mmCIF file of all heavy atoms, coordinates in Angstrom:
data_MODEL
# 
_entry.id   MODEL 
# 
loop_
_atom_site.group_PDB 
_atom_site.id 
_atom_site.type_symbol 
_atom_site.label_atom_id 
_atom_site.label_alt_id 
_atom_site.label_comp_id 
_atom_site.label_asym_id 
_atom_site.label_entity_id 
_atom_site.label_seq_id 
_atom_site.pdbx_PDB_ins_code 
_atom_site.Cartn_x 
_atom_site.Cartn_y 
_atom_site.Cartn_z 
_atom_site.occupancy 
_atom_site.B_iso_or_equiv 
_atom_site.pdbx_formal_charge 
_atom_site.auth_seq_id 
_atom_site.auth_comp_id 
_atom_site.auth_asym_id 
_atom_site.auth_atom_id 
_atom_site.pdbx_PDB_model_num 
ATOM 1   N N   . TYR A 1 1  ? -35.019 -15.134 -96.337  1.00 0.00 ? 1  TYR A N   1 
ATOM 2   C CA  . TYR A 1 1  ? -34.993 -15.319 -94.886  1.00 0.00 ? 1  TYR A CA  1 
ATOM 3   C C   . TYR A 1 1  ? -36.405 -15.379 -94.301  1.00 0.00 ? 1  TYR A C   1 
ATOM 4   O O   . TYR A 1 1  ? -36.690 -14.789 -93.270  1.00 0.00 ? 1  TYR A O   1 
ATOM 5   C CB  . TYR A 1 1  ? -34.199 -14.203 -94.209  1.00 0.00 ? 1  TYR A CB  1 
ATOM 6   C CG  . TYR A 1 1  ? -32.821 -14.045 -94.756  1.00 0.00 ? 1  TYR A CG  1 
ATOM 7   C CD1 . TYR A 1 1  ? -32.543 -13.020 -95.655  1.00 0.00 ? 1  TYR A CD1 1 
ATOM 8   C CD2 . TYR A 1 1  ? -31.804 -14.905 -94.405  1.00 0.00 ? 1  TYR A CD2 1 
ATOM 9   C CE1 . TYR A 1 1  ? -31.274 -12.860 -96.175  1.00 0.00 ? 1  TYR A CE1 1 
ATOM 10  C CE2 . TYR A 1 1  ? -30.531 -14.751 -94.926  1.00 0.00 ? 1  TYR A CE2 1 
ATOM 11  C CZ  . TYR A 1 1  ? -30.276 -13.737 -95.805  1.00 0.00 ? 1  TYR A CZ  1 
ATOM 12  O OH  . TYR A 1 1  ? -29.012 -13.594 -96.314  1.00 0.00 ? 1  TYR A OH  1 
ATOM 13  N N   . GLU A 1 2  ? -37.309 -16.109 -94.958  1.00 0.00 ? 2  GLU A N   1 
ATOM 14  C CA  . GLU A 1 2  ? -38.658 -16.238 -94.415  1.00 0.00 ? 2  GLU A CA  1 
ATOM 15  C C   . GLU A 1 2  ? -39.216 -17.592 -94.807  1.00 0.00 ? 2  GLU A C   1 
ATOM 16  O O   . GLU A 1 2  ? -38.731 -18.249 -95.719  1.00 0.00 ? 2  GLU A O   1 
ATOM 17  C CB  . GLU A 1 2  ? -39.580 -15.139 -94.929  1.00 0.00 ? 2  GLU A CB  1 
ATOM 18  C CG  . GLU A 1 2  ? -39.796 -15.163 -96.411  1.00 0.00 ? 2  GLU A CG  1 
ATOM 19  C CD  . GLU A 1 2  ? -40.653 -14.011 -96.881  1.00 0.00 ? 2  GLU A CD  1 
ATOM 20  O OE1 . GLU A 1 2  ? -40.505 -12.910 -96.320  1.00 0.00 ? 2  GLU A OE1 1 
ATOM 21  O OE2 . GLU A 1 2  ? -41.445 -14.212 -97.797  1.00 0.00 ? 2  GLU A OE2 1 
ATOM 22  N N   . SER A 1 3  ? -40.238 -18.040 -94.093  1.00 0.00 ? 3  SER A N   1 
ATOM 23  C CA  . SER A 1 3  ? -40.821 -19.339 -94.358  1.00 0.00 ? 3  SER A CA  1 
ATOM 24  C C   . SER A 1 3  ? -41.775 -19.264 -95.551  1.00 0.00 ? 3  SER A C   1 
ATOM 25  O O   . SER A 1 3  ? -42.338 -18.223 -95.841  1.00 0.00 ? 3  SER A O   1 
ATOM 26  C CB  . SER A 1 3  ? -41.576 -19.839 -93.126  1.00 0.00 ? 3  SER A CB  1 
ATOM 27  O OG  . SER A 1 3  ? -40.712 -19.990 -92.038  1.00 0.00 ? 3  SER A OG  1 
ATOM 28  N N   . GLN A 1 4  ? -41.960 -20.418 -96.186  1.00 0.00 ? 4  GLN A N   1 
ATOM 29  C CA  . GLN A 1 4  ? -42.892 -20.494 -97.283  1.00 0.00 ? 4  GLN A CA  1 
ATOM 30  C C   . GLN A 1 4  ? -44.317 -20.630 -96.749  1.00 0.00 ? 4  GLN A C   1 
ATOM 31  O O   . GLN A 1 4  ? -44.550 -21.066 -95.628  1.00 0.00 ? 4  GLN A O   1 
ATOM 32  C CB  . GLN A 1 4  ? -42.564 -21.702 -98.156  1.00 0.00 ? 4  GLN A CB  1 
ATOM 33  C CG  . GLN A 1 4  ? -41.307 -21.510 -99.002  1.00 0.00 ? 4  GLN A CG  1 
ATOM 34  C CD  . GLN A 1 4  ? -41.501 -20.489 -100.078 1.00 0.00 ? 4  GLN A CD  1 
ATOM 35  O OE1 . GLN A 1 4  ? -41.279 -19.317 -99.862  1.00 0.00 ? 4  GLN A OE1 1 
ATOM 36  N NE2 . GLN A 1 4  ? -41.905 -20.910 -101.250 1.00 0.00 ? 4  GLN A NE2 1 
ATOM 37  N N   . ALA A 1 5  ? -45.290 -20.292 -97.581  1.00 0.00 ? 5  ALA A N   1 
ATOM 38  C CA  . ALA A 1 5  ? -46.688 -20.472 -97.212  1.00 0.00 ? 5  ALA A CA  1 
ATOM 39  C C   . ALA A 1 5  ? -47.010 -21.963 -97.158  1.00 0.00 ? 5  ALA A C   1 
ATOM 40  O O   . ALA A 1 5  ? -46.522 -22.759 -97.952  1.00 0.00 ? 5  ALA A O   1 
ATOM 41  C CB  . ALA A 1 5  ? -47.579 -19.767 -98.236  1.00 0.00 ? 5  ALA A CB  1 
ATOM 42  N N   . LEU A 1 6  ? -47.872 -22.335 -96.210  1.00 0.00 ? 6  LEU A N   1 
ATOM 43  C CA  . LEU A 1 6  ? -48.261 -23.725 -96.075  1.00 0.00 ? 6  LEU A CA  1 
ATOM 44  C C   . LEU A 1 6  ? -49.284 -24.085 -97.143  1.00 0.00 ? 6  LEU A C   1 
ATOM 45  O O   . LEU A 1 6  ? -50.029 -23.233 -97.631  1.00 0.00 ? 6  LEU A O   1 
ATOM 46  C CB  . LEU A 1 6  ? -48.841 -23.967 -94.682  1.00 0.00 ? 6  LEU A CB  1 
ATOM 47  C CG  . LEU A 1 6  ? -47.929 -23.603 -93.503  1.00 0.00 ? 6  LEU A CG  1 
ATOM 48  C CD1 . LEU A 1 6  ? -48.638 -23.892 -92.182  1.00 0.00 ? 6  LEU A CD1 1 
ATOM 49  C CD2 . LEU A 1 6  ? -46.608 -24.343 -93.579  1.00 0.00 ? 6  LEU A CD2 1 
ATOM 50  N N   . GLU A 1 7  ? -49.339 -25.380 -97.499  1.00 0.00 ? 7  GLU A N   1 
ATOM 51  C CA  . GLU A 1 7  ? -50.283 -25.866 -98.499  1.00 0.00 ? 7  GLU A CA  1 
ATOM 52  C C   . GLU A 1 7  ? -50.734 -27.262 -98.095  1.00 0.00 ? 7  GLU A C   1 
ATOM 53  O O   . GLU A 1 7  ? -50.040 -27.948 -97.339  1.00 0.00 ? 7  GLU A O   1 
ATOM 54  C CB  . GLU A 1 7  ? -49.629 -25.905 -99.884  1.00 0.00 ? 7  GLU A CB  1 
ATOM 55  C CG  . GLU A 1 7  ? -48.444 -26.846 -99.959  1.00 0.00 ? 7  GLU A CG  1 
ATOM 56  C CD  . GLU A 1 7  ? -47.836 -26.919 -101.344 1.00 0.00 ? 7  GLU A CD  1 
ATOM 57  O OE1 . GLU A 1 7  ? -48.505 -26.493 -102.296 1.00 0.00 ? 7  GLU A OE1 1 
ATOM 58  O OE2 . GLU A 1 7  ? -46.703 -27.415 -101.468 1.00 0.00 ? 7  GLU A OE2 1 
ATOM 59  N N   . PRO A 1 8  ? -51.898 -27.717 -98.579  1.00 0.00 ? 8  PRO A N   1 
ATOM 60  C CA  . PRO A 1 8  ? -52.335 -29.079 -98.274  1.00 0.00 ? 8  PRO A CA  1 
ATOM 61  C C   . PRO A 1 8  ? -51.372 -30.101 -98.884  1.00 0.00 ? 8  PRO A C   1 
ATOM 62  O O   . PRO A 1 8  ? -51.018 -30.012 -100.061 1.00 0.00 ? 8  PRO A O   1 
ATOM 63  C CB  . PRO A 1 8  ? -53.723 -29.163 -98.917  1.00 0.00 ? 8  PRO A CB  1 
ATOM 64  C CG  . PRO A 1 8  ? -54.158 -27.747 -99.092  1.00 0.00 ? 8  PRO A CG  1 
ATOM 65  C CD  . PRO A 1 8  ? -52.909 -26.962 -99.343  1.00 0.00 ? 8  PRO A CD  1 
ATOM 66  N N   . VAL A 1 9  ? -50.949 -31.067 -98.072  1.00 0.00 ? 9  VAL A N   1 
ATOM 67  C CA  . VAL A 1 9  ? -49.991 -32.085 -98.513  1.00 0.00 ? 9  VAL A CA  1 
ATOM 68  C C   . VAL A 1 9  ? -50.468 -33.451 -98.014  1.00 0.00 ? 9  VAL A C   1 
ATOM 69  O O   . VAL A 1 9  ? -50.934 -33.577 -96.879  1.00 0.00 ? 9  VAL A O   1 
ATOM 70  C CB  . VAL A 1 9  ? -48.579 -31.806 -97.947  1.00 0.00 ? 9  VAL A CB  1 
ATOM 71  C CG1 . VAL A 1 9  ? -47.623 -32.960 -98.265  1.00 0.00 ? 9  VAL A CG1 1 
ATOM 72  C CG2 . VAL A 1 9  ? -48.019 -30.503 -98.510  1.00 0.00 ? 9  VAL A CG2 1 
ATOM 73  N N   . ILE A 1 10 ? -50.380 -34.462 -98.879  1.00 0.00 ? 10 ILE A N   1 
ATOM 74  C CA  . ILE A 1 10 ? -50.607 -35.844 -98.484  1.00 0.00 ? 10 ILE A CA  1 
ATOM 75  C C   . ILE A 1 10 ? -49.244 -36.497 -98.292  1.00 0.00 ? 10 ILE A C   1 
ATOM 76  O O   . ILE A 1 10 ? -48.448 -36.566 -99.231  1.00 0.00 ? 10 ILE A O   1 
ATOM 77  C CB  . ILE A 1 10 ? -51.410 -36.615 -99.560  1.00 0.00 ? 10 ILE A CB  1 
ATOM 78  C CG1 . ILE A 1 10 ? -52.818 -36.035 -99.698  1.00 0.00 ? 10 ILE A CG1 1 
ATOM 79  C CG2 . ILE A 1 10 ? -51.487 -38.092 -99.207  1.00 0.00 ? 10 ILE A CG2 1 
ATOM 80  C CD1 . ILE A 1 10 ? -53.726 -36.302 -98.531  1.00 0.00 ? 10 ILE A CD1 1 
ATOM 81  N N   . LEU A 1 11 ? -48.961 -36.970 -97.077  1.00 0.00 ? 11 LEU A N   1 
ATOM 82  C CA  . LEU A 1 11 ? -47.635 -37.521 -96.790  1.00 0.00 ? 11 LEU A CA  1 
ATOM 83  C C   . LEU A 1 11 ? -47.307 -38.725 -97.667  1.00 0.00 ? 11 LEU A C   1 
ATOM 84  O O   . LEU A 1 11 ? -46.140 -38.955 -98.002  1.00 0.00 ? 11 LEU A O   1 
ATOM 85  C CB  . LEU A 1 11 ? -47.528 -37.897 -95.315  1.00 0.00 ? 11 LEU A CB  1 
ATOM 86  C CG  . LEU A 1 11 ? -47.324 -36.747 -94.335  1.00 0.00 ? 11 LEU A CG  1 
ATOM 87  C CD1 . LEU A 1 11 ? -47.265 -37.262 -92.903  1.00 0.00 ? 11 LEU A CD1 1 
ATOM 88  C CD2 . LEU A 1 11 ? -46.050 -35.984 -94.654  1.00 0.00 ? 11 LEU A CD2 1 
ATOM 89  N N   . ASN A 1 12 ? -48.313 -39.513 -98.038  1.00 0.00 ? 12 ASN A N   1 
ATOM 90  C CA  . ASN A 1 12 ? -48.049 -40.665 -98.903  1.00 0.00 ? 12 ASN A CA  1 
ATOM 91  C C   . ASN A 1 12 ? -47.436 -40.230 -100.228 1.00 0.00 ? 12 ASN A C   1 
ATOM 92  O O   . ASN A 1 12 ? -46.569 -40.915 -100.786 1.00 0.00 ? 12 ASN A O   1 
ATOM 93  C CB  . ASN A 1 12 ? -49.342 -41.435 -99.174  1.00 0.00 ? 12 ASN A CB  1 
ATOM 94  C CG  . ASN A 1 12 ? -49.751 -42.283 -97.983  1.00 0.00 ? 12 ASN A CG  1 
ATOM 95  O OD1 . ASN A 1 12 ? -49.050 -42.339 -96.980  1.00 0.00 ? 12 ASN A OD1 1 
ATOM 96  N ND2 . ASN A 1 12 ? -50.896 -42.944 -98.093  1.00 0.00 ? 12 ASN A ND2 1 
ATOM 97  N N   . ASP A 1 13 ? -47.893 -39.084 -100.765 1.00 0.00 ? 13 ASP A N   1 
ATOM 98  C CA  . ASP A 1 13 ? -47.320 -38.572 -102.013 1.00 0.00 ? 13 ASP A CA  1 
ATOM 99  C C   . ASP A 1 13 ? -45.843 -38.258 -101.847 1.00 0.00 ? 13 ASP A C   1 
ATOM 100 O O   . ASP A 1 13 ? -45.019 -38.537 -102.723 1.00 0.00 ? 13 ASP A O   1 
ATOM 101 C CB  . ASP A 1 13 ? -48.055 -37.301 -102.452 1.00 0.00 ? 13 ASP A CB  1 
ATOM 102 C CG  . ASP A 1 13 ? -49.424 -37.594 -103.036 1.00 0.00 ? 13 ASP A CG  1 
ATOM 103 O OD1 . ASP A 1 13 ? -49.729 -38.780 -103.246 1.00 0.00 ? 13 ASP A OD1 1 
ATOM 104 O OD2 . ASP A 1 13 ? -50.178 -36.641 -103.277 1.00 0.00 ? 13 ASP A OD2 1 
ATOM 105 N N   . VAL A 1 14 ? -45.508 -37.638 -100.720 1.00 0.00 ? 14 VAL A N   1 
ATOM 106 C CA  . VAL A 1 14 ? -44.117 -37.258 -100.465 1.00 0.00 ? 14 VAL A CA  1 
ATOM 107 C C   . VAL A 1 14 ? -43.247 -38.499 -100.414 1.00 0.00 ? 14 VAL A C   1 
ATOM 108 O O   . VAL A 1 14 ? -42.174 -38.565 -101.035 1.00 0.00 ? 14 VAL A O   1 
ATOM 109 C CB  . VAL A 1 14 ? -44.009 -36.461 -99.148  1.00 0.00 ? 14 VAL A CB  1 
ATOM 110 C CG1 . VAL A 1 14 ? -42.544 -36.113 -98.865  1.00 0.00 ? 14 VAL A CG1 1 
ATOM 111 C CG2 . VAL A 1 14 ? -44.846 -35.192 -99.221  1.00 0.00 ? 14 VAL A CG2 1 
ATOM 112 N N   . VAL A 1 15 ? -43.694 -39.522 -99.668  1.00 0.00 ? 15 VAL A N   1 
ATOM 113 C CA  . VAL A 1 15 ? -42.905 -40.756 -99.534  1.00 0.00 ? 15 VAL A CA  1 
ATOM 114 C C   . VAL A 1 15 ? -42.765 -41.442 -100.881 1.00 0.00 ? 15 VAL A C   1 
ATOM 115 O O   . VAL A 1 15 ? -41.664 -41.864 -101.278 1.00 0.00 ? 15 VAL A O   1 
ATOM 116 C CB  . VAL A 1 15 ? -43.558 -41.698 -98.510  1.00 0.00 ? 15 VAL A CB  1 
ATOM 117 C CG1 . VAL A 1 15 ? -42.790 -43.022 -98.437  1.00 0.00 ? 15 VAL A CG1 1 
ATOM 118 C CG2 . VAL A 1 15 ? -43.595 -41.048 -97.128  1.00 0.00 ? 15 VAL A CG2 1 
ATOM 119 N N   . THR A 1 16 ? -43.851 -41.557 -101.616 1.00 0.00 ? 16 THR A N   1 
ATOM 120 C CA  . THR A 1 16 ? -43.818 -42.241 -102.912 1.00 0.00 ? 16 THR A CA  1 
ATOM 121 C C   . THR A 1 16 ? -42.899 -41.533 -103.902 1.00 0.00 ? 16 THR A C   1 
ATOM 122 O O   . THR A 1 16 ? -42.103 -42.170 -104.605 1.00 0.00 ? 16 THR A O   1 
ATOM 123 C CB  . THR A 1 16 ? -45.241 -42.337 -103.494 1.00 0.00 ? 16 THR A CB  1 
ATOM 124 O OG1 . THR A 1 16 ? -46.070 -43.049 -102.583 1.00 0.00 ? 16 THR A OG1 1 
ATOM 125 C CG2 . THR A 1 16 ? -45.228 -43.063 -104.823 1.00 0.00 ? 16 THR A CG2 1 
ATOM 126 N N   . ASP A 1 17 ? -43.003 -40.204 -103.969 1.00 0.00 ? 17 ASP A N   1 
ATOM 127 C CA  . ASP A 1 17 ? -42.177 -39.449 -104.917 1.00 0.00 ? 17 ASP A CA  1 
ATOM 128 C C   . ASP A 1 17 ? -40.696 -39.521 -104.566 1.00 0.00 ? 17 ASP A C   1 
ATOM 129 O O   . ASP A 1 17 ? -39.834 -39.411 -105.439 1.00 0.00 ? 17 ASP A O   1 
ATOM 130 C CB  . ASP A 1 17 ? -42.619 -37.987 -104.958 1.00 0.00 ? 17 ASP A CB  1 
ATOM 131 C CG  . ASP A 1 17 ? -43.958 -37.816 -105.663 1.00 0.00 ? 17 ASP A CG  1 
ATOM 132 O OD1 . ASP A 1 17 ? -44.425 -38.790 -106.279 1.00 0.00 ? 17 ASP A OD1 1 
ATOM 133 O OD2 . ASP A 1 17 ? -44.532 -36.716 -105.595 1.00 0.00 ? 17 ASP A OD2 1 
ATOM 134 N N   . LEU A 1 18 ? -40.382 -39.692 -103.282 1.00 0.00 ? 18 LEU A N   1 
ATOM 135 C CA  . LEU A 1 18 ? -38.978 -39.710 -102.860 1.00 0.00 ? 18 LEU A CA  1 
ATOM 136 C C   . LEU A 1 18 ? -38.392 -41.117 -102.803 1.00 0.00 ? 18 LEU A C   1 
ATOM 137 O O   . LEU A 1 18 ? -37.189 -41.272 -102.587 1.00 0.00 ? 18 LEU A O   1 
ATOM 138 C CB  . LEU A 1 18 ? -38.828 -39.067 -101.479 1.00 0.00 ? 18 LEU A CB  1 
ATOM 139 C CG  . LEU A 1 18 ? -38.859 -37.540 -101.401 1.00 0.00 ? 18 LEU A CG  1 
ATOM 140 C CD1 . LEU A 1 18 ? -38.730 -37.093 -99.952  1.00 0.00 ? 18 LEU A CD1 1 
ATOM 141 C CD2 . LEU A 1 18 ? -37.743 -36.925 -102.228 1.00 0.00 ? 18 LEU A CD2 1 
ATOM 142 N N   . GLU A 1 19 ? -39.222 -42.141 -102.973 1.00 0.00 ? 19 GLU A N   1 
ATOM 143 C CA  . GLU A 1 19 ? -38.774 -43.514 -102.730 1.00 0.00 ? 19 GLU A CA  1 
ATOM 144 C C   . GLU A 1 19 ? -37.557 -43.899 -103.570 1.00 0.00 ? 19 GLU A C   1 
ATOM 145 O O   . GLU A 1 19 ? -36.580 -44.456 -103.056 1.00 0.00 ? 19 GLU A O   1 
ATOM 146 C CB  . GLU A 1 19 ? -39.923 -44.485 -102.982 1.00 0.00 ? 19 GLU A CB  1 
ATOM 147 C CG  . GLU A 1 19 ? -39.657 -45.868 -102.438 1.00 0.00 ? 19 GLU A CG  1 
ATOM 148 C CD  . GLU A 1 19 ? -40.925 -46.717 -102.389 1.00 0.00 ? 19 GLU A CD  1 
ATOM 149 O OE1 . GLU A 1 19 ? -42.014 -46.176 -102.672 1.00 0.00 ? 19 GLU A OE1 1 
ATOM 150 O OE2 . GLU A 1 19 ? -40.809 -47.913 -102.073 1.00 0.00 ? 19 GLU A OE2 1 
ATOM 151 N N   . ALA A 1 20 ? -37.611 -43.598 -104.865 1.00 0.00 ? 20 ALA A N   1 
ATOM 152 C CA  . ALA A 1 20 ? -36.480 -43.969 -105.734 1.00 0.00 ? 20 ALA A CA  1 
ATOM 153 C C   . ALA A 1 20 ? -35.209 -43.225 -105.315 1.00 0.00 ? 20 ALA A C   1 
ATOM 154 O O   . ALA A 1 20 ? -34.117 -43.805 -105.279 1.00 0.00 ? 20 ALA A O   1 
ATOM 155 C CB  . ALA A 1 20 ? -36.816 -43.659 -107.189 1.00 0.00 ? 20 ALA A CB  1 
ATOM 156 N N   . LEU A 1 21 ? -35.347 -41.943 -104.972 1.00 0.00 ? 21 LEU A N   1 
ATOM 157 C CA  . LEU A 1 21 ? -34.192 -41.170 -104.539 1.00 0.00 ? 21 LEU A CA  1 
ATOM 158 C C   . LEU A 1 21 ? -33.625 -41.727 -103.244 1.00 0.00 ? 21 LEU A C   1 
ATOM 159 O O   . LEU A 1 21 ? -32.405 -41.858 -103.088 1.00 0.00 ? 21 LEU A O   1 
ATOM 160 C CB  . LEU A 1 21 ? -34.599 -39.708 -104.346 1.00 0.00 ? 21 LEU A CB  1 
ATOM 161 C CG  . LEU A 1 21 ? -33.564 -38.785 -103.703 1.00 0.00 ? 21 LEU A CG  1 
ATOM 162 C CD1 . LEU A 1 21 ? -32.352 -38.639 -104.604 1.00 0.00 ? 21 LEU A CD1 1 
ATOM 163 C CD2 . LEU A 1 21 ? -34.173 -37.424 -103.398 1.00 0.00 ? 21 LEU A CD2 1 
ATOM 164 N N   . LEU A 1 22 ? -34.494 -42.096 -102.309 1.00 0.00 ? 22 LEU A N   1 
ATOM 165 C CA  . LEU A 1 22 ? -34.034 -42.624 -101.027 1.00 0.00 ? 22 LEU A CA  1 
ATOM 166 C C   . LEU A 1 22 ? -33.304 -43.953 -101.205 1.00 0.00 ? 22 LEU A C   1 
ATOM 167 O O   . LEU A 1 22 ? -32.287 -44.205 -100.551 1.00 0.00 ? 22 LEU A O   1 
ATOM 168 C CB  . LEU A 1 22 ? -35.215 -42.795 -100.068 1.00 0.00 ? 22 LEU A CB  1 
ATOM 169 C CG  . LEU A 1 22 ? -35.877 -41.504 -99.579  1.00 0.00 ? 22 LEU A CG  1 
ATOM 170 C CD1 . LEU A 1 22 ? -37.073 -41.832 -98.707  1.00 0.00 ? 22 LEU A CD1 1 
ATOM 171 C CD2 . LEU A 1 22 ? -34.880 -40.636 -98.820  1.00 0.00 ? 22 LEU A CD2 1 
ATOM 172 N N   . GLU A 1 23 ? -33.810 -44.795 -102.094 1.00 0.00 ? 23 GLU A N   1 
ATOM 173 C CA  . GLU A 1 23 ? -33.155 -46.093 -102.320 1.00 0.00 ? 23 GLU A CA  1 
ATOM 174 C C   . GLU A 1 23 ? -31.738 -45.902 -102.840 1.00 0.00 ? 23 GLU A C   1 
ATOM 175 O O   . GLU A 1 23 ? -30.805 -46.600 -102.417 1.00 0.00 ? 23 GLU A O   1 
ATOM 176 C CB  . GLU A 1 23 ? -33.986 -46.928 -103.294 1.00 0.00 ? 23 GLU A CB  1 
ATOM 177 C CG  . GLU A 1 23 ? -35.256 -47.494 -102.674 1.00 0.00 ? 23 GLU A CG  1 
ATOM 178 C CD  . GLU A 1 23 ? -36.089 -48.274 -103.675 1.00 0.00 ? 23 GLU A CD  1 
ATOM 179 O OE1 . GLU A 1 23 ? -35.882 -48.078 -104.907 1.00 0.00 ? 23 GLU A OE1 1 
ATOM 180 O OE2 . GLU A 1 23 ? -36.941 -49.069 -103.257 1.00 0.00 ? 23 GLU A OE2 1 
ATOM 181 N N   . ARG A 1 24 ? -31.569 -44.948 -103.756 1.00 0.00 ? 24 ARG A N   1 
ATOM 182 C CA  . ARG A 1 24 ? -30.219 -44.688 -104.272 1.00 0.00 ? 24 ARG A CA  1 
ATOM 183 C C   . ARG A 1 24 ? -29.326 -44.088 -103.185 1.00 0.00 ? 24 ARG A C   1 
ATOM 184 O O   . ARG A 1 24 ? -28.140 -44.397 -103.102 1.00 0.00 ? 24 ARG A O   1 
ATOM 185 C CB  . ARG A 1 24 ? -30.293 -43.733 -105.468 1.00 0.00 ? 24 ARG A CB  1 
ATOM 186 C CG  . ARG A 1 24 ? -30.932 -44.336 -106.700 1.00 0.00 ? 24 ARG A CG  1 
ATOM 187 C CD  . ARG A 1 24 ? -30.693 -43.461 -107.925 1.00 0.00 ? 24 ARG A CD  1 
ATOM 188 N NE  . ARG A 1 24 ? -31.297 -42.146 -107.788 1.00 0.00 ? 24 ARG A NE  1 
ATOM 189 C CZ  . ARG A 1 24 ? -32.538 -41.858 -108.157 1.00 0.00 ? 24 ARG A CZ  1 
ATOM 190 N NH1 . ARG A 1 24 ? -33.306 -42.798 -108.693 1.00 0.00 ? 24 ARG A NH1 1 
ATOM 191 N NH2 . ARG A 1 24 ? -33.017 -40.635 -108.022 1.00 0.00 ? 24 ARG A NH2 1 
ATOM 192 N N   . THR A 1 25 ? -29.904 -43.236 -102.346 1.00 0.00 ? 25 THR A N   1 
ATOM 193 C CA  . THR A 1 25 ? -29.125 -42.577 -101.295 1.00 0.00 ? 25 THR A CA  1 
ATOM 194 C C   . THR A 1 25 ? -28.704 -43.552 -100.216 1.00 0.00 ? 25 THR A C   1 
ATOM 195 O O   . THR A 1 25 ? -27.585 -43.496 -99.705  1.00 0.00 ? 25 THR A O   1 
ATOM 196 C CB  . THR A 1 25 ? -29.950 -41.431 -100.669 1.00 0.00 ? 25 THR A CB  1 
ATOM 197 O OG1 . THR A 1 25 ? -30.331 -40.519 -101.695 1.00 0.00 ? 25 THR A OG1 1 
ATOM 198 C CG2 . THR A 1 25 ? -29.140 -40.694 -99.615  1.00 0.00 ? 25 THR A CG2 1 
ATOM 199 N N   . LEU A 1 26 ? -29.584 -44.471 -99.850  1.00 0.00 ? 26 LEU A N   1 
ATOM 200 C CA  . LEU A 1 26 ? -29.295 -45.416 -98.772  1.00 0.00 ? 26 LEU A CA  1 
ATOM 201 C C   . LEU A 1 26 ? -28.232 -46.429 -99.172  1.00 0.00 ? 26 LEU A C   1 
ATOM 202 O O   . LEU A 1 26 ? -27.483 -46.909 -98.330  1.00 0.00 ? 26 LEU A O   1 
ATOM 203 C CB  . LEU A 1 26 ? -30.579 -46.138 -98.361  1.00 0.00 ? 26 LEU A CB  1 
ATOM 204 C CG  . LEU A 1 26 ? -31.652 -45.263 -97.698  1.00 0.00 ? 26 LEU A CG  1 
ATOM 205 C CD1 . LEU A 1 26 ? -32.944 -46.052 -97.541  1.00 0.00 ? 26 LEU A CD1 1 
ATOM 206 C CD2 . LEU A 1 26 ? -31.171 -44.753 -96.349  1.00 0.00 ? 26 LEU A CD2 1 
ATOM 207 N N   . GLY A 1 27 ? -28.175 -46.785 -100.439 1.00 0.00 ? 27 GLY A N   1 
ATOM 208 C CA  . GLY A 1 27 ? -27.197 -47.766 -100.894 1.00 0.00 ? 27 GLY A CA  1 
ATOM 209 C C   . GLY A 1 27 ? -27.734 -49.180 -100.818 1.00 0.00 ? 27 GLY A C   1 
ATOM 210 O O   . GLY A 1 27 ? -28.798 -49.454 -100.240 1.00 0.00 ? 27 GLY A O   1 
ATOM 211 N N   . GLU A 1 28 ? -26.986 -50.107 -101.390 1.00 0.00 ? 28 GLU A N   1 
ATOM 212 C CA  . GLU A 1 28 ? -27.443 -51.488 -101.492 1.00 0.00 ? 28 GLU A CA  1 
ATOM 213 C C   . GLU A 1 28 ? -27.469 -52.203 -100.144 1.00 0.00 ? 28 GLU A C   1 
ATOM 214 O O   . GLU A 1 28 ? -28.179 -53.200 -99.981  1.00 0.00 ? 28 GLU A O   1 
ATOM 215 C CB  . GLU A 1 28 ? -26.543 -52.261 -102.467 1.00 0.00 ? 28 GLU A CB  1 
ATOM 216 C CG  . GLU A 1 28 ? -26.614 -51.740 -103.908 1.00 0.00 ? 28 GLU A CG  1 
ATOM 217 C CD  . GLU A 1 28 ? -25.715 -52.529 -104.834 1.00 0.00 ? 28 GLU A CD  1 
ATOM 218 O OE1 . GLU A 1 28 ? -24.987 -53.416 -104.333 1.00 0.00 ? 28 GLU A OE1 1 
ATOM 219 O OE2 . GLU A 1 28 ? -25.740 -52.264 -106.054 1.00 0.00 ? 28 GLU A OE2 1 
ATOM 220 N N   . HIS A 1 29 ? -26.722 -51.724 -99.178  1.00 0.00 ? 29 HIS A N   1 
ATOM 221 C CA  . HIS A 1 29 ? -26.631 -52.438 -97.899  1.00 0.00 ? 29 HIS A CA  1 
ATOM 222 C C   . HIS A 1 29 ? -27.802 -52.130 -96.965  1.00 0.00 ? 29 HIS A C   1 
ATOM 223 O O   . HIS A 1 29 ? -27.942 -52.751 -95.910  1.00 0.00 ? 29 HIS A O   1 
ATOM 224 C CB  . HIS A 1 29 ? -25.315 -52.116 -97.198  1.00 0.00 ? 29 HIS A CB  1 
ATOM 225 C CG  . HIS A 1 29 ? -25.204 -50.709 -96.708  1.00 0.00 ? 29 HIS A CG  1 
ATOM 226 N ND1 . HIS A 1 29 ? -25.254 -49.632 -97.561  1.00 0.00 ? 29 HIS A ND1 1 
ATOM 227 C CD2 . HIS A 1 29 ? -25.086 -50.196 -95.452  1.00 0.00 ? 29 HIS A CD2 1 
ATOM 228 C CE1 . HIS A 1 29 ? -25.137 -48.520 -96.854  1.00 0.00 ? 29 HIS A CE1 1 
ATOM 229 N NE2 . HIS A 1 29 ? -25.041 -48.840 -95.574  1.00 0.00 ? 29 HIS A NE2 1 
# 
């Protein structure tokens, strides 16, 4: 029941790492 400690993050890394997962989640349409 508490927040995690913050850390340096590059948003481009987050988007790139999730891209394949998002494509499968969104579907072909």
